[in-house]
Amino acid sequence: MYVASGAAGIVRQRRRSRFRTERVRELLEEAEKLGMTIDEVWEDIQREKRSGER
């Protein structure tokens, strides 16, 4: 019922929107306070992703 009604897609869309507006903004604000560039933040994210794949 949940999936068939399309509600799962709506919930996912809301979560993505909230992630973009809240979490990413907080991350970038903190990075700016630390003097980090977006490239440095991205490198850290990629490094963390690789370490989690092991």
Protein backbone atom coordinates (compact mmCIF):
# COMPACT_ATOMS: atom_id res chain seq x y z
CA MET A 1 0.00 0.00 0.00
CA TYR A 2 2.76 2.42 0.99
CA VAL A 3 4.79 1.82 -2.17
CA ALA A 4 1.78 1.35 -4.43
CA SER A 5 0.35 4.71 -3.41
CA GLY A 6 3.54 6.53 -4.39
CA ALA A 7 4.04 7.68 -0.81
CA ALA A 8 7.53 6.17 -0.65
CA GLY A 9 8.68 8.44 -3.46
CA ILE A 10 7.18 11.48 -1.80
CA VAL A 11 8.86 10.64 1.51
CA ARG A 12 12.20 10.12 -0.25
CA GLN A 13 11.84 13.43 -2.07
CA ARG A 14 11.14 15.26 1.20
CA ARG A 15 14.12 13.62 2.89
CA ARG A 16 16.42 14.62 0.01
CA SER A 17 15.14 18.18 0.09
CA ARG A 18 15.64 18.39 3.85
CA PHE A 19 19.13 16.90 3.50
CA ARG A 20 20.09 19.51 0.92
CA THR A 21 18.71 22.47 2.80
CA GLU A 22 19.70 21.53 6.35
CA ARG A 23 22.61 19.11 6.46
CA VAL A 24 24.58 20.41 3.50
CA ARG A 25 24.16 24.00 4.66
CA GLU A 26 25.39 23.08 8.16
CA LEU A 27 28.36 21.21 6.68
CA LEU A 28 29.36 24.13 4.48
CA GLU A 29 28.94 26.65 7.30
CA GLU A 30 31.22 24.61 9.55
CA ALA A 31 33.75 24.12 6.76
CA GLU A 32 33.82 27.87 6.19
CA LYS A 33 34.46 28.47 9.91
CA LEU A 34 37.40 26.06 9.66
CA GLY A 35 38.75 27.78 6.56
CA MET A 36 38.14 24.78 4.32
CA THR A 37 37.33 25.03 0.64
CA ILE A 38 34.53 23.07 -1.02
CA ASP A 39 37.20 21.04 -2.79
CA GLU A 40 38.75 20.06 0.55
CA VAL A 41 35.35 19.07 1.92
CA TRP A 42 34.68 16.99 -1.20
CA GLU A 43 38.07 15.27 -0.91
CA ASP A 44 37.30 14.41 2.72
CA ILE A 45 33.92 12.99 1.72
CA GLN A 46 35.50 10.86 -1.00
CA ARG A 47 38.25 9.67 1.37
CA GLU A 48 35.65 8.70 3.98
CA LYS A 49 33.60 6.87 1.36
CA ARG A 50 36.64 4.86 0.26
CA SER A 51 37.55 3.97 3.84
CA GLY A 52 34.00 2.72 4.43
CA GLU A 53 34.16 0.44 1.40
CA ARG A 54 36.96 -1.64 2.88
